[in-house]
Amino acid sequence: MKKMMIGLFCIGLLIILTANVSAADSVTGTQQNETANLLSQQQAQFLQYVEGWARTLFAISSGETLDMSYLIILIVIFIVVALIVINLASFIAIFSGWRATAAGVIITLLISISGGIRIGALWLLSFKNLFSATSIFGKIWLLVLLIIIAIVLSAFLHLVNKIRRELGLEKSKALGRDLILRLYGASKKRKLSVGN
């Protein structure tokens, strides 16, 4: 539950960042030019700062352009995949607690470095073409996409927790059956030894 809340918090922060990125579209006239210039300067400075590690981490070639919406989607997919892998790794007996988190992060880093996160981000970015730039969805498509991802992630994590509870219940029932069989078998042996 804590992992889900942390993940949703991170996605929420990225949604706020996305809303700030698209703020230039909602202002008109001279204010739009000034706001757009200020935002584009801040974005350019930020992208210069993170470009090296982002290209390495997400296997982005030097010829591929890296803009703010692409980087946001890459980070969101990385967080989502990490949360999914961490929750799935916790089903394996040797990965409990911090081991599941470490295994999940390492597996997600391997997926990311091999280009899997980038492919997912490019696929999600292809949906941008569905919305025209003049419609309301054309201006806030990234925000809508992040909200959809957060809803799908929340549903998946809820399903994983439900399965985990059911498996725990099944394990408890199996342990109870084993215990009853052992007690019943031990009492039967005692009756046989007393009778002889």
Foldseek 3Di string as FASTA:
>chain_A
DVLLVVLLVVLVVLLVVLCLLLVLVVDDDPVSVVSPVVSVVVQVVVCVVCVVVLCQQQVPDPVDDDGDLLSSQLVSLLSLQLSVQLLVQCVDVVQHDVNSNVVSNVVSSVCRNVNNSVVVSVVLVVCLVVDDCPDPCNSRVSSVVSVVSSVVSVVVVVVSVVVVVVVVVVVVVVVVVVVVVVVVVVVVVVVVVVVD
